[in-house]
Amino acid sequence: MEVLFLSHYLIFLFEISNKIEIKKLNYSTLYLRMPTFNHEVKEKVDSVIKTNHELITETPNLIIDVRNNGGGSDVTYSDIIK
């Protein structure tokens, strides 16, 4: 029973820690939080980039926050650097 609870807890923490966040800080700066480059979140990353493409390309400054990013695959972030 404890292992099952712990398992769900770890999954819950993984989901929180892998939340991709994008927000406009002011008229000239956009903030993008990338907590992981794990290939399992590639679809989510691609969706955020596609949905916000116009905002990303029209905002002069882009902050990509990779603090506490555990790494992953360059395939995950390849659409960001295009």
Protein backbone atom coordinates (compact mmCIF):
# COMPACT_ATOMS: atom_id res chain seq x y z
CA MET A 1 0.00 0.00 0.00
CA GLU A 2 2.77 2.49 0.84
CA VAL A 3 4.62 1.73 -2.37
CA LEU A 4 1.49 2.40 -4.41
CA PHE A 5 0.99 5.73 -2.64
CA LEU A 6 4.63 6.63 -3.13
CA SER A 7 4.39 5.67 -6.79
CA HIS A 8 1.44 8.03 -7.35
CA TYR A 9 3.19 10.74 -5.38
CA LEU A 10 6.29 10.51 -7.59
CA ILE A 11 4.17 10.61 -10.74
CA PHE A 12 2.38 13.68 -9.37
CA LEU A 13 5.72 15.39 -8.65
CA PHE A 14 6.98 14.51 -12.13
CA GLU A 15 3.90 16.09 -13.72
CA ILE A 16 4.28 19.28 -11.68
CA SER A 17 8.00 19.55 -12.30
CA ASN A 18 7.56 19.06 -16.04
CA LYS A 19 5.07 21.88 -16.53
CA ILE A 20 6.04 23.98 -19.52
CA GLU A 21 5.14 27.59 -18.90
CA ILE A 22 5.01 30.57 -21.22
CA LYS A 23 4.02 34.09 -20.24
CA LYS A 24 4.51 37.63 -21.42
CA LEU A 25 6.45 39.60 -18.80
CA ASN A 26 6.05 42.95 -20.54
CA TYR A 27 5.62 44.36 -24.05
CA SER A 28 9.12 43.27 -25.11
CA THR A 29 9.89 40.14 -23.07
CA LEU A 30 8.48 36.63 -23.14
CA TYR A 31 9.32 33.95 -20.55
CA LEU A 32 9.44 30.26 -21.45
CA ARG A 33 10.09 27.70 -18.71
CA MET A 34 11.54 24.41 -19.95
CA PRO A 35 11.91 22.11 -16.94
CA THR A 36 12.99 19.13 -19.03
CA PHE A 37 14.05 18.11 -22.52
CA ASN A 38 12.87 14.56 -21.98
CA HIS A 39 11.63 13.12 -25.28
CA GLU A 40 8.37 12.12 -23.59
CA VAL A 41 7.30 15.78 -23.41
CA LYS A 42 8.15 16.61 -27.04
CA GLU A 43 4.50 16.72 -28.12
CA LYS A 44 3.70 19.13 -25.28
CA VAL A 45 6.68 21.34 -26.18
CA ASP A 46 5.71 21.34 -29.86
CA SER A 47 2.12 22.25 -28.94
CA VAL A 48 3.20 25.20 -26.77
CA ILE A 49 5.54 26.47 -29.49
CA LYS A 50 2.93 26.06 -32.25
CA THR A 51 0.14 27.68 -30.22
CA ASN A 52 2.35 30.64 -29.28
CA HIS A 53 4.39 30.95 -32.49
CA GLU A 54 3.16 34.44 -33.37
CA LEU A 55 3.73 35.71 -29.85
CA ILE A 56 7.22 34.18 -29.76
CA THR A 57 8.29 35.61 -33.12
CA GLU A 58 6.84 39.06 -32.48
CA THR A 59 8.34 39.57 -29.02
CA PRO A 60 11.88 41.00 -29.17
CA ASN A 61 13.25 39.25 -26.05
CA LEU A 62 12.80 35.59 -25.15
CA ILE A 63 13.94 34.19 -21.81
CA ILE A 64 14.22 30.40 -21.85
CA ASP A 65 14.45 29.23 -18.25
CA VAL A 66 16.24 25.88 -18.00
CA ARG A 67 16.98 26.01 -14.28
CA ASN A 68 16.71 22.58 -12.69
CA ASN A 69 16.33 21.07 -16.17
CA GLY A 70 17.43 17.47 -15.97
CA GLY A 71 18.40 17.32 -19.64
CA GLY A 72 17.01 14.98 -22.23
CA SER A 73 17.01 14.87 -26.01
CA ASP A 74 17.85 17.62 -28.49
CA VAL A 75 14.87 16.40 -30.53
CA THR A 76 12.63 17.87 -27.83
CA TYR A 77 13.86 21.44 -28.24
CA SER A 78 14.75 21.44 -31.94
CA ASP A 79 11.56 23.36 -32.88
CA ILE A 80 12.44 26.13 -30.44
CA ILE A 81 15.72 26.96 -32.17
CA LYS A 82 14.33 27.06 -35.72
